[in-house]
N, C-alpha and C. Protein backbone atom coordinates (compact mmCIF):
# COMPACT_ATOMS: atom_id res chain seq x y z
N UNK A 1 -1.34 18.25 0.90
CA UNK A 1 -2.30 18.36 1.57
C UNK A 1 -2.81 19.99 1.48
N UNK A 2 -3.94 20.09 1.52
CA UNK A 2 -4.38 21.49 1.08
C UNK A 2 -4.54 22.47 2.24
N UNK A 3 -3.41 23.31 1.78
CA UNK A 3 -2.92 24.66 2.93
C UNK A 3 -4.46 25.32 3.65
N UNK A 4 -5.32 25.15 3.22
CA UNK A 4 -6.57 25.93 3.82
C UNK A 4 -7.25 25.09 4.90
N UNK A 5 -6.96 23.82 4.83
CA UNK A 5 -7.35 22.81 6.45
C UNK A 5 -6.77 23.50 7.42
N UNK A 6 -8.09 23.30 8.34
CA UNK A 6 -6.97 23.19 9.77
C UNK A 6 -6.46 22.02 10.35
N UNK A 7 -5.60 22.39 11.26
CA UNK A 7 -5.13 21.41 12.03
C UNK A 7 -5.78 20.52 12.69
N UNK A 8 -7.15 20.90 13.13
CA UNK A 8 -7.98 19.26 13.27
C UNK A 8 -8.24 18.25 11.76
N UNK A 9 -8.73 19.25 10.75
CA UNK A 9 -8.80 18.18 9.57
C UNK A 9 -7.48 17.44 9.19
N UNK A 10 -6.69 18.52 9.22
CA UNK A 10 -5.44 17.62 8.50
C UNK A 10 -5.18 16.53 10.00
N UNK A 11 -5.62 16.35 11.08
CA UNK A 11 -5.48 15.56 11.89
C UNK A 11 -6.23 14.40 11.46
N UNK A 12 -7.60 15.08 11.59
CA UNK A 12 -8.19 13.74 11.11
C UNK A 12 -8.19 12.70 9.10
N UNK A 13 -7.43 13.65 8.44
CA UNK A 13 -7.18 13.25 7.45
C UNK A 13 -6.13 12.69 7.56
N UNK A 14 -5.08 12.64 8.69
CA UNK A 14 -4.04 11.42 8.74
C UNK A 14 -4.46 10.71 9.38
N UNK A 15 -5.15 10.51 10.18
CA UNK A 15 -6.01 9.46 10.82
C UNK A 15 -6.18 8.43 9.94
N UNK A 16 -7.02 9.06 9.26
CA UNK A 16 -8.14 8.19 7.88
C UNK A 16 -6.79 7.70 7.46
N UNK A 17 -5.84 7.97 7.01
CA UNK A 17 -4.96 7.34 6.06
C UNK A 17 -3.91 6.28 6.61
N UNK A 18 -3.89 6.84 8.21
CA UNK A 18 -2.71 5.50 8.93
C UNK A 18 -3.86 4.32 8.93
N UNK A 19 -5.23 4.55 9.05
CA UNK A 19 -5.77 3.34 9.27
C UNK A 19 -6.13 2.85 8.04
N UNK A 20 -6.36 3.16 6.87
CA UNK A 20 -6.29 2.80 5.54
C UNK A 20 -4.82 2.34 5.50
N UNK A 21 -4.01 2.37 5.45
CA UNK A 21 -2.49 2.38 5.35
C UNK A 21 -2.56 0.82 6.25
N UNK A 22 -2.97 0.89 7.48
CA UNK A 22 -2.84 -0.41 8.47
C UNK A 22 -3.54 -1.40 8.07
N UNK A 23 -4.67 -1.22 7.54
CA UNK A 23 -5.95 -1.90 7.31
C UNK A 23 -5.14 -2.69 5.68
N UNK A 24 -4.79 -2.00 4.76
CA UNK A 24 -4.27 -2.43 3.57
C UNK A 24 -2.96 -3.20 3.75
N UNK A 25 -2.18 -3.11 4.79
CA UNK A 25 -0.90 -4.11 4.91
C UNK A 25 -1.40 -5.16 5.80
N UNK A 26 -2.22 -5.12 6.59
CA UNK A 26 -2.91 -6.17 7.14
C UNK A 26 -3.61 -7.59 6.95
N UNK A 27 -3.93 -6.57 5.69
CA UNK A 27 -5.01 -7.64 4.93
C UNK A 27 -3.82 -8.18 3.70
N UNK A 28 -3.10 -7.55 3.03
CA UNK A 28 -1.80 -7.89 2.43
C UNK A 28 -1.14 -9.21 3.27
N UNK A 29 -0.56 -9.14 4.24
CA UNK A 29 -0.06 -9.53 4.92
C UNK A 29 -0.71 -11.29 5.41
N UNK A 30 -2.18 -10.75 5.87
CA UNK A 30 -3.02 -11.85 6.48
C UNK A 30 -4.19 -12.22 5.86
N UNK A 31 -4.72 -11.71 4.99
CA UNK A 31 -5.31 -11.81 4.23
C UNK A 31 -6.89 -10.84 5.04
N UNK A 32 -7.73 -10.66 4.11
CA UNK A 32 -8.68 -9.85 4.49
C UNK A 32 -9.98 -10.40 5.66
N UNK A 33 -10.06 -11.72 5.37
CA UNK A 33 -10.80 -12.17 6.31
C UNK A 33 -10.20 -12.85 7.73
N UNK A 34 -8.99 -12.82 7.86
CA UNK A 34 -8.32 -12.90 9.16
C UNK A 34 -7.91 -11.64 9.90
N UNK A 35 -8.00 -10.59 9.29
CA UNK A 35 -7.73 -9.13 9.73
C UNK A 35 -9.19 -8.34 10.90
N UNK A 36 -8.48 -8.41 12.44
CA UNK A 36 -9.85 -7.28 12.75
C UNK A 36 -10.12 -6.34 12.98
N UNK A 37 -11.02 -5.40 13.30
CA UNK A 37 -10.89 -4.01 13.59
C UNK A 37 -9.69 -4.02 14.69
N UNK A 38 -9.60 -5.04 15.55
CA UNK A 38 -8.78 -4.13 17.03
C UNK A 38 -7.52 -4.57 16.39
N UNK A 39 -7.16 -5.61 15.47
CA UNK A 39 -5.90 -5.44 15.15
C UNK A 39 -5.35 -4.17 14.15
N UNK A 40 -6.45 -3.55 13.36
CA UNK A 40 -6.20 -2.43 12.64
C UNK A 40 -5.75 -1.28 13.55
N UNK A 41 -6.84 -1.31 14.42
CA UNK A 41 -6.47 -0.24 15.55
C UNK A 41 -5.37 -0.13 16.32
N UNK A 42 -4.87 -1.50 16.85
CA UNK A 42 -3.63 -1.52 17.02
C UNK A 42 -2.59 -1.02 16.32
N UNK A 43 -2.46 -1.26 14.88
CA UNK A 43 -1.25 -0.93 13.82
C UNK A 43 -1.26 0.26 14.21
N UNK A 44 -2.73 0.79 13.91
CA UNK A 44 -2.50 2.10 13.67
C UNK A 44 -2.44 3.31 15.07
N UNK A 45 -2.27 2.21 15.98
CA UNK A 45 -1.98 3.03 16.87
C UNK A 45 -3.47 3.95 17.82
N UNK A 46 -4.66 3.57 16.94
CA UNK A 46 -5.41 4.23 17.50
C UNK A 46 -6.42 2.90 18.23
N UNK A 47 -7.46 3.76 19.21
CA UNK A 47 -8.62 2.76 19.85
C UNK A 47 -9.63 2.13 18.94
N UNK A 48 -9.85 1.20 19.58
CA UNK A 48 -11.23 -0.04 18.81
C UNK A 48 -12.25 1.38 18.50
N UNK A 49 -12.76 2.33 19.46
CA UNK A 49 -13.31 3.38 19.63
C UNK A 49 -13.16 4.49 18.42
N UNK A 50 -12.33 4.81 18.18
CA UNK A 50 -11.38 5.99 17.37
C UNK A 50 -11.55 5.16 15.86
N UNK A 51 -11.16 4.15 16.04
CA UNK A 51 -11.64 3.49 14.54
C UNK A 51 -13.00 3.52 14.06
N UNK A 52 -14.26 3.32 14.78
CA UNK A 52 -15.71 3.58 14.70
C UNK A 52 -16.03 4.49 14.21
N UNK A 53 -15.09 5.80 15.35
CA UNK A 53 -15.42 7.27 14.91
C UNK A 53 -14.98 7.76 13.29
N UNK A 54 -14.76 7.15 12.53
CA UNK A 54 -13.71 7.37 11.23
C UNK A 54 -14.27 6.53 9.98
N UNK A 55 -14.19 5.04 10.27
CA UNK A 55 -15.11 3.68 9.35
C UNK A 55 -16.25 2.89 10.13
N UNK A 56 -16.88 2.56 9.25
CA UNK A 56 -18.29 1.78 9.89
C UNK A 56 -17.57 0.26 9.85
N UNK A 57 -16.54 -0.09 9.13
CA UNK A 57 -15.87 -1.29 9.05
C UNK A 57 -14.49 -1.45 8.50
N UNK A 58 -13.95 -2.66 8.57
CA UNK A 58 -12.30 -2.71 8.18
C UNK A 58 -12.72 -2.40 5.97
N UNK A 59 -13.85 -3.00 5.37
CA UNK A 59 -13.90 -2.70 4.22
C UNK A 59 -13.74 -1.27 3.88
N UNK A 60 -14.76 -0.43 4.22
CA UNK A 60 -14.46 0.52 4.11
C UNK A 60 -12.85 1.33 4.83
N UNK A 61 -12.83 1.15 5.58
CA UNK A 61 -11.30 1.44 5.58
C UNK A 61 -10.22 1.07 4.64
N UNK A 62 -10.25 -0.06 4.02
CA UNK A 62 -9.66 -0.47 2.84
C UNK A 62 -10.01 -0.23 1.87
N UNK A 63 -11.07 0.39 1.47
CA UNK A 63 -11.50 1.63 0.13
C UNK A 63 -11.09 2.65 -0.08
N UNK A 64 -10.82 3.30 1.57
CA UNK A 64 -10.66 4.94 1.52
C UNK A 64 -9.77 5.33 0.71
N UNK A 65 -8.35 4.66 0.46
CA UNK A 65 -7.27 5.43 -0.32
C UNK A 65 -7.90 5.50 -1.87
N UNK A 66 -8.49 4.35 -2.47
CA UNK A 66 -9.19 3.97 -3.72
C UNK A 66 -10.59 5.66 -3.66
N UNK A 67 -11.08 5.14 -2.68
CA UNK A 67 -12.08 6.88 -3.10
C UNK A 67 -11.73 7.91 -2.72
N UNK A 68 -10.69 8.24 -1.98
CA UNK A 68 -9.52 9.50 -2.37
C UNK A 68 -9.26 9.85 -3.68
N UNK A 69 -8.58 9.22 -4.30
CA UNK A 69 -8.14 9.12 -5.56
C UNK A 69 -9.32 9.29 -6.36
N UNK A 70 -10.04 8.22 -6.30
CA UNK A 70 -11.18 9.19 -7.28
C UNK A 70 -12.30 10.61 -7.10
N UNK A 71 -12.24 10.91 -5.94
CA UNK A 71 -12.37 12.14 -5.85
C UNK A 71 -11.07 13.25 -6.61
N UNK A 72 -10.26 12.54 -6.13
CA UNK A 72 -9.40 13.77 -6.54
C UNK A 72 -9.47 13.89 -8.22
N UNK A 73 -9.31 12.74 -8.56
CA UNK A 73 -9.89 12.70 -10.76
C UNK A 73 -11.08 13.82 -10.94
N UNK A 74 -11.93 13.41 -9.90
CA UNK A 74 -13.27 14.04 -10.26
C UNK A 74 -12.83 15.74 -10.18
N UNK A 75 -11.94 16.12 -9.09
CA UNK A 75 -11.46 17.61 -9.24
C UNK A 75 -10.52 18.27 -10.25
N UNK A 76 -10.14 17.14 -10.64
CA UNK A 76 -9.14 17.28 -11.76
C UNK A 76 -9.64 17.79 -13.27
N UNK A 77 -11.01 16.98 -13.00
CA UNK A 77 -11.67 16.75 -14.16
C UNK A 77 -12.00 18.29 -14.30
N UNK A 78 -12.69 18.62 -13.61
CA UNK A 78 -13.37 20.07 -12.99
C UNK A 78 -12.60 21.25 -13.45
N UNK A 79 -11.06 21.08 -13.08
CA UNK A 79 -9.81 22.25 -13.46
C UNK A 79 -9.58 22.42 -14.48
N UNK A 80 -10.01 21.33 -15.37
CA UNK A 80 -9.58 21.42 -17.03
C UNK A 80 -9.81 22.70 -17.89
N UNK A 81 -8.88 23.24 -18.76
CA UNK A 81 -9.67 24.18 -18.92
C UNK A 81 -11.02 24.34 -19.87
N UNK A 82 -11.73 24.90 -20.29
CA UNK A 82 -12.93 24.69 -20.60
C UNK A 82 -13.10 24.61 -22.01
N UNK A 83 -12.06 25.32 -22.89
CA UNK A 83 -12.32 24.90 -24.52
C UNK A 83 -12.00 23.49 -24.59
N UNK A 84 -11.39 22.37 -23.41
CA UNK A 84 -11.69 21.34 -23.85
C UNK A 84 -12.73 20.59 -24.19
N UNK A 85 -13.46 19.59 -24.86
CA UNK A 85 -14.47 18.59 -24.95
C UNK A 85 -14.74 17.89 -23.53
N UNK A 86 -15.32 17.35 -23.40
CA UNK A 86 -15.77 16.38 -22.14
C UNK A 86 -14.86 15.30 -22.26
N UNK A 87 -14.50 14.30 -23.78
CA UNK A 87 -13.86 13.51 -23.90
C UNK A 87 -11.97 13.84 -23.26
N UNK A 88 -11.54 15.44 -23.91
CA UNK A 88 -10.53 15.41 -23.56
C UNK A 88 -10.60 16.04 -22.26
N UNK A 89 -11.18 16.69 -21.49
CA UNK A 89 -11.08 16.76 -20.35
C UNK A 89 -10.68 15.48 -19.40
N UNK A 90 -11.33 14.33 -19.60
CA UNK A 90 -11.33 13.12 -18.54
C UNK A 90 -9.93 13.12 -18.84
N UNK A 91 -9.68 12.56 -20.45
CA UNK A 91 -8.37 12.37 -20.91
C UNK A 91 -7.28 13.27 -20.40
N UNK A 92 -7.24 14.38 -20.00
CA UNK A 92 -6.34 15.25 -19.52
C UNK A 92 -5.77 15.38 -18.30
N UNK A 93 -7.21 15.27 -17.36
CA UNK A 93 -7.52 15.00 -15.93
C UNK A 93 -6.85 13.63 -15.54
N UNK A 94 -6.54 12.82 -16.23
CA UNK A 94 -6.33 11.27 -16.03
C UNK A 94 -4.77 11.30 -16.05
N UNK A 95 -4.17 12.16 -17.08
CA UNK A 95 -3.18 12.38 -17.47
C UNK A 95 -2.03 12.74 -16.27
N UNK A 96 -2.88 14.04 -15.83
CA UNK A 96 -2.27 14.55 -14.95
C UNK A 96 -1.95 13.71 -13.27
N UNK A 97 -3.65 13.06 -13.18
CA UNK A 97 -3.32 12.71 -12.21
C UNK A 97 -2.89 11.14 -12.20
N UNK A 98 -2.29 10.16 -13.21
CA UNK A 98 -1.63 9.64 -13.20
C UNK A 98 -0.30 9.81 -12.87
N UNK A 99 0.51 11.16 -13.44
CA UNK A 99 1.91 11.59 -12.95
C UNK A 99 1.87 11.59 -11.85
N UNK A 100 1.35 11.91 -11.02
CA UNK A 100 0.97 12.47 -9.27
C UNK A 100 0.65 11.26 -8.63
N UNK A 101 0.19 10.25 -8.77
CA UNK A 101 -0.21 9.16 -8.21
C UNK A 101 0.93 8.47 -7.83
N UNK A 102 1.59 8.33 -6.65
CA UNK A 102 2.68 7.99 -6.18
C UNK A 102 2.84 5.94 -6.46
N UNK A 103 1.72 5.15 -6.38
CA UNK A 103 1.38 4.09 -5.60
C UNK A 103 1.66 3.43 -7.31
N UNK A 104 3.08 2.62 -7.48
CA UNK A 104 3.57 1.77 -8.04
C UNK A 104 2.20 0.68 -9.12
N UNK A 105 2.73 0.33 -10.14
CA UNK A 105 2.05 -0.77 -10.65
C UNK A 105 1.45 -1.67 -10.30
N UNK A 106 3.06 -2.33 -9.35
CA UNK A 106 2.90 -3.17 -8.43
C UNK A 106 2.00 -3.66 -7.50
N UNK A 107 1.84 -2.30 -6.16
CA UNK A 107 1.44 -2.43 -5.47
C UNK A 107 -0.57 -1.86 -5.94
N UNK A 108 -0.29 -1.20 -7.30
CA UNK A 108 -2.20 -1.07 -7.09
C UNK A 108 -2.30 -2.50 -7.38
N UNK A 109 -1.71 -3.08 -8.81
CA UNK A 109 -2.14 -4.72 -8.94
C UNK A 109 -2.60 -5.35 -7.67
N UNK A 110 -1.77 -5.89 -6.55
CA UNK A 110 -1.91 -5.88 -5.20
C UNK A 110 -3.10 -5.62 -4.62
N UNK A 111 -3.49 -4.62 -4.83
CA UNK A 111 -4.85 -3.53 -3.81
C UNK A 111 -5.89 -4.22 -4.79
N UNK A 112 -5.77 -4.10 -6.08
CA UNK A 112 -6.67 -4.52 -6.75
C UNK A 112 -7.20 -5.67 -7.16
N UNK A 113 -6.15 -6.87 -6.74
CA UNK A 113 -6.43 -8.32 -6.70
C UNK A 113 -7.34 -8.51 -5.23
N UNK A 114 -6.87 -7.89 -4.33
CA UNK A 114 -7.28 -7.95 -2.75
C UNK A 114 -8.67 -7.80 -3.01
N UNK A 115 -9.29 -6.79 -3.36
CA UNK A 115 -10.43 -6.49 -3.86
C UNK A 115 -11.57 -7.36 -4.59
N UNK A 116 -10.79 -7.78 -5.62
CA UNK A 116 -11.26 -8.38 -6.82
C UNK A 116 -11.76 -10.09 -5.85
N UNK A 117 -10.94 -10.58 -4.92
CA UNK A 117 -11.23 -11.69 -4.26
C UNK A 117 -12.40 -11.90 -3.14
N UNK A 118 -12.97 -10.57 -2.83
CA UNK A 118 -13.76 -10.56 -1.34
C UNK A 118 -15.14 -9.63 -2.14
N UNK A 119 -16.36 -10.57 -2.18
CA UNK A 119 -17.61 -9.87 -2.49
C UNK A 119 -18.08 -8.65 -1.66
N UNK A 120 -17.73 -8.68 -0.60
CA UNK A 120 -17.93 -7.35 0.42
C UNK A 120 -17.07 -6.23 -0.52
N UNK A 121 -15.93 -6.31 -0.96
CA UNK A 121 -15.29 -5.49 -1.02
C UNK A 121 -15.75 -5.03 -2.63
N UNK A 122 -16.27 -5.70 -3.46
CA UNK A 122 -16.53 -5.59 -4.83
C UNK A 122 -18.03 -4.76 -4.73
N UNK A 123 -18.93 -5.14 -3.70
CA UNK A 123 -19.99 -4.58 -3.91
C UNK A 123 -19.94 -3.12 -3.46
N UNK A 124 -18.97 -3.09 -2.16
CA UNK A 124 -18.71 -1.54 -2.02
C UNK A 124 -18.12 -0.35 -2.95
N UNK A 125 -17.42 -0.97 -4.03
CA UNK A 125 -16.84 -0.47 -4.89
C UNK A 125 -17.47 -0.22 -5.85
N UNK A 126 -18.21 -0.89 -5.93
CA UNK A 126 -19.31 -0.79 -7.60
C UNK A 126 -20.16 0.60 -6.67
N UNK A 127 -20.49 0.24 -5.72
CA UNK A 127 -21.32 1.74 -5.26
C UNK A 127 -20.79 2.98 -5.27
N UNK A 128 -19.34 3.10 -5.23
CA UNK A 128 -18.17 3.91 -5.29
C UNK A 128 -18.27 4.44 -6.92
N UNK A 129 -18.17 3.21 -7.62
CA UNK A 129 -18.06 3.60 -8.80
C UNK A 129 -19.60 4.37 -9.82
N UNK A 130 -20.05 4.19 -8.93
CA UNK A 130 -21.58 4.19 -9.50
C UNK A 130 -21.50 6.03 -9.14
N UNK A 131 -21.08 6.43 -8.05
CA UNK A 131 -21.14 7.64 -7.39
C UNK A 131 -19.97 8.11 -8.34
N UNK A 132 -18.61 7.50 -8.57
CA UNK A 132 -17.96 8.53 -9.83
C UNK A 132 -18.62 8.81 -10.92
N UNK A 133 -19.63 7.69 -11.25
CA UNK A 133 -19.64 8.22 -12.88
C UNK A 133 -20.63 9.19 -13.06
N UNK A 134 -21.83 9.09 -11.56
CA UNK A 134 -22.59 10.69 -11.80
C UNK A 134 -21.31 11.66 -11.41
N UNK A 135 -20.78 11.86 -10.70
CA UNK A 135 -19.73 12.81 -10.47
C UNK A 135 -18.89 13.45 -11.73
N UNK A 136 -18.63 12.23 -12.48
CA UNK A 136 -17.88 12.90 -13.52
C UNK A 136 -18.51 13.22 -14.51
N UNK A 137 -20.19 13.04 -14.77
CA UNK A 137 -20.86 13.37 -15.71
C UNK A 137 -21.49 14.87 -15.62
N UNK A 138 -21.09 15.10 -14.15
CA UNK A 138 -21.57 16.36 -13.45
C UNK A 138 -20.46 17.09 -14.01
N UNK A 139 -18.87 17.04 -13.63
CA UNK A 139 -18.11 17.35 -13.93
C UNK A 139 -17.79 18.09 -15.37
N UNK A 140 -18.04 17.18 -16.10
CA UNK A 140 -18.04 17.60 -17.93
C UNK A 140 -19.52 17.75 -18.50
N UNK A 141 -20.32 18.03 -17.59
CA UNK A 141 -21.83 18.88 -18.22
C UNK A 141 -21.57 20.18 -18.90
N UNK A 142 -22.43 20.69 -19.94
CA UNK A 142 -21.92 22.01 -20.16
C UNK A 142 -20.32 21.88 -21.05
N UNK A 143 -19.43 20.70 -20.95
CA UNK A 143 -18.53 20.65 -22.32
C UNK A 143 -18.81 20.24 -23.57
N UNK A 144 -18.01 20.51 -24.86
CA UNK A 144 -18.68 20.23 -25.93
C UNK A 144 -18.67 18.68 -25.80
N UNK A 145 -19.57 17.88 -26.58
CA UNK A 145 -19.37 16.88 -26.51
C UNK A 145 -19.55 16.51 -28.48
N UNK A 146 -18.92 15.29 -28.06
CA UNK A 146 -18.76 14.43 -29.49
C UNK A 146 -20.13 14.01 -30.11
N UNK A 147 -20.75 13.97 -31.25
CA UNK A 147 -22.08 13.81 -31.65
C UNK A 147 -23.15 13.88 -31.07
N UNK A 148 -23.07 15.04 -30.25
CA UNK A 148 -24.30 15.18 -28.91
C UNK A 148 -24.40 14.11 -28.21
N UNK A 149 -23.16 13.26 -27.79
CA UNK A 149 -23.70 12.14 -26.86
C UNK A 149 -23.23 12.90 -25.40
N UNK A 150 -24.50 12.56 -24.28
CA UNK A 150 -24.47 13.15 -23.40
C UNK A 150 -23.26 13.05 -22.48
N UNK A 151 -23.32 13.67 -21.03
CA UNK A 151 -22.40 13.94 -20.62
C UNK A 151 -22.46 12.24 -19.65
N UNK A 152 -23.43 12.01 -19.23
CA UNK A 152 -23.35 10.42 -18.34
C UNK A 152 -23.16 9.61 -19.25
N UNK A 153 -23.10 9.22 -20.38
CA UNK A 153 -22.78 8.29 -21.27
C UNK A 153 -21.43 8.34 -21.68
N UNK A 154 -20.71 9.65 -21.66
CA UNK A 154 -19.39 9.85 -21.91
C UNK A 154 -18.82 9.28 -20.42
N UNK A 155 -19.07 9.84 -19.77
CA UNK A 155 -18.25 9.33 -18.07
C UNK A 155 -19.15 8.08 -18.18
N UNK A 156 -19.70 7.34 -18.56
CA UNK A 156 -20.12 5.89 -18.18
C UNK A 156 -18.56 5.39 -19.40
N UNK A 157 -18.38 5.64 -20.55
CA UNK A 157 -17.57 4.86 -21.17
C UNK A 157 -16.24 5.31 -20.59
N UNK A 158 -15.96 6.22 -20.19
CA UNK A 158 -14.69 6.57 -19.96
C UNK A 158 -14.38 5.37 -18.82
N UNK A 159 -15.22 4.91 -17.92
CA UNK A 159 -15.23 4.20 -16.58
C UNK A 159 -15.37 2.97 -16.55
N UNK A 160 -15.84 2.72 -18.35
CA UNK A 160 -15.73 0.82 -18.72
C UNK A 160 -14.67 1.29 -19.41
N UNK A 161 -14.08 1.95 -19.58
CA UNK A 161 -12.77 1.88 -20.75
C UNK A 161 -11.41 1.94 -19.75
N UNK A 162 -12.19 2.41 -18.54
CA UNK A 162 -11.12 2.31 -17.18
C UNK A 162 -10.78 0.38 -16.87
N UNK A 163 -11.99 0.21 -16.49
CA UNK A 163 -12.41 -1.05 -15.89
C UNK A 163 -11.75 -2.47 -17.02
N UNK A 164 -11.83 -1.91 -18.69
CA UNK A 164 -11.27 -2.80 -19.16
C UNK A 164 -9.78 -2.79 -19.22
N UNK A 165 -9.28 -1.56 -18.78
CA UNK A 165 -7.91 -1.49 -19.13
C UNK A 165 -7.18 -2.01 -17.54
N UNK A 166 -8.09 -1.62 -16.64
CA UNK A 166 -7.43 -2.36 -15.74
C UNK A 166 -7.27 -4.36 -15.63
N UNK A 167 -8.55 -4.42 -16.16
CA UNK A 167 -8.35 -5.95 -16.16
C UNK A 167 -7.29 -6.70 -17.20
N UNK A 168 -7.33 -6.02 -18.25
CA UNK A 168 -6.15 -6.22 -18.68
C UNK A 168 -4.89 -6.43 -18.66
N UNK A 169 -4.60 -5.23 -18.01
CA UNK A 169 -3.30 -4.99 -17.40
C UNK A 169 -2.93 -6.12 -16.22
N UNK A 170 -3.93 -6.76 -15.60
CA UNK A 170 -3.45 -7.73 -14.55
C UNK A 170 -3.26 -8.93 -15.12
N UNK A 171 -4.28 -9.27 -16.20
CA UNK A 171 -3.67 -10.47 -17.31
C UNK A 171 -2.01 -10.30 -17.81
N UNK A 172 -1.92 -9.04 -18.02
CA UNK A 172 -0.55 -8.63 -18.91
C UNK A 172 0.27 -7.91 -18.29
N UNK A 173 1.20 -8.47 -17.33
CA UNK A 173 2.01 -8.02 -16.57
C UNK A 173 3.42 -7.58 -17.18
N UNK A 174 3.61 -7.80 -18.63
CA UNK A 174 4.49 -7.09 -19.50
C UNK A 174 4.56 -5.47 -19.48
N UNK A 175 2.74 -5.16 -19.43
CA UNK A 175 2.70 -3.30 -19.94
C UNK A 175 2.40 -2.83 -18.51
N UNK A 176 2.74 -1.38 -18.38
CA UNK A 176 2.40 -0.71 -17.52
C UNK A 176 0.85 -0.15 -17.75
N UNK A 177 0.18 -0.34 -16.48
CA UNK A 177 -1.06 0.31 -16.51
C UNK A 177 -1.10 1.42 -17.05
N UNK A 178 -0.42 2.41 -17.55
CA UNK A 178 -0.77 3.50 -17.98
C UNK A 178 -0.59 3.15 -19.72
N UNK A 179 0.15 2.42 -19.79
CA UNK A 179 0.36 1.82 -21.47
C UNK A 179 -1.04 1.02 -21.91
N UNK A 180 -1.30 0.34 -21.27
CA UNK A 180 -3.05 -0.27 -21.53
C UNK A 180 -3.94 0.68 -21.34
N UNK A 181 -3.75 1.50 -20.49
CA UNK A 181 -4.94 2.64 -20.48
C UNK A 181 -5.35 3.43 -22.13
N UNK A 182 -4.07 3.74 -22.04
CA UNK A 182 -3.96 4.59 -23.12
C UNK A 182 -4.18 4.19 -24.36
N UNK A 183 -4.24 2.84 -24.80
CA UNK A 183 -4.55 1.74 -25.65
C UNK A 183 -5.92 1.59 -26.04
N UNK A 184 -6.62 1.27 -24.52
CA UNK A 184 -8.42 0.94 -24.56
C UNK A 184 -8.68 2.60 -24.37
N UNK A 185 -8.32 3.14 -23.88
CA UNK A 185 -8.93 4.81 -24.11
C UNK A 185 -8.83 5.44 -25.27
N UNK A 186 -8.03 5.09 -26.63
CA UNK A 186 -7.81 5.50 -27.73
C UNK A 186 -9.09 4.84 -28.80
N UNK A 187 -9.14 3.25 -28.37
CA UNK A 187 -9.86 2.47 -28.87
C UNK A 187 -11.39 2.59 -28.42
N UNK A 188 -11.70 3.62 -27.34
CA UNK A 188 -13.00 3.95 -27.22
C UNK A 188 -13.14 5.01 -27.49
N UNK A 189 -12.29 6.12 -28.14
CA UNK A 189 -12.52 7.55 -28.75
C UNK A 189 -13.20 7.20 -30.26
N UNK A 190 -12.73 5.82 -30.68
CA UNK A 190 -12.79 5.83 -32.16
C UNK A 190 -14.33 5.77 -32.13
N UNK A 191 -14.67 5.91 -33.11
CA UNK A 191 -16.16 6.41 -33.45
C UNK A 191 -16.67 4.81 -33.81
N UNK A 192 -17.69 4.52 -33.22
CA UNK A 192 -18.54 2.85 -33.50
C UNK A 192 -19.07 2.66 -35.34
N UNK A 193 -18.45 1.43 -35.34
CA UNK A 193 -19.18 1.72 -36.98
C UNK A 193 -20.73 1.05 -37.11
C-alpha cells in the first residue's frame, strides 16, 4: 500500500478490495448469476448503500482486482529505464509484475474462466483492455521502436500476445502461465516473414 495515502484513502481501498474479494468468492461458490448485491454487501460486512458508493454493480466489483493489476502493470512500464526499447520495457515490467503477483495459477484460471462464461463480464473486460492498450501505448511512447513500429501497435501486439498466452494456458494445465507467456512473447518479438 502506498505510504503517501491518507487514512481515508487507505480505508476506501481496503473496502473496495474486501468487496471485490467477497464478490469473487461468492461468484466462484454459487455462480455469478446466483449472487446478489445484498449477499456481497453482507459478505463484505457493509451496507447495500455502501456497496453502491463503491461499485455500480457486481460485475464491476468482480473485475476490480484485474483492473487494479492492469493499472499496476502500466505503472511498472512507466518506471522502466529509459534506455530500454518499448518492447523491452513491456517485457521487463511484466517480469517484475509476475514476480510480485500473489495469485496462484489455479486462482487465476478460476477467475479467467468465470469471466469467459459471462458476456456482461467480457464486455466490461474488453472496455478495460481497450483503455489498457491506450495507456500502455502512452507509457512506451518516446522509447526506441523496432522498425519504426508505433507505440500503439507495440502495445496492441503485446496485449494480443497476452491474450493468446492466456488461452493456451487455459487449454494446457501442464505448464505455468509464465512459461506460456514467455513462449508467446518470444514468438511475437520475432520479425514477420
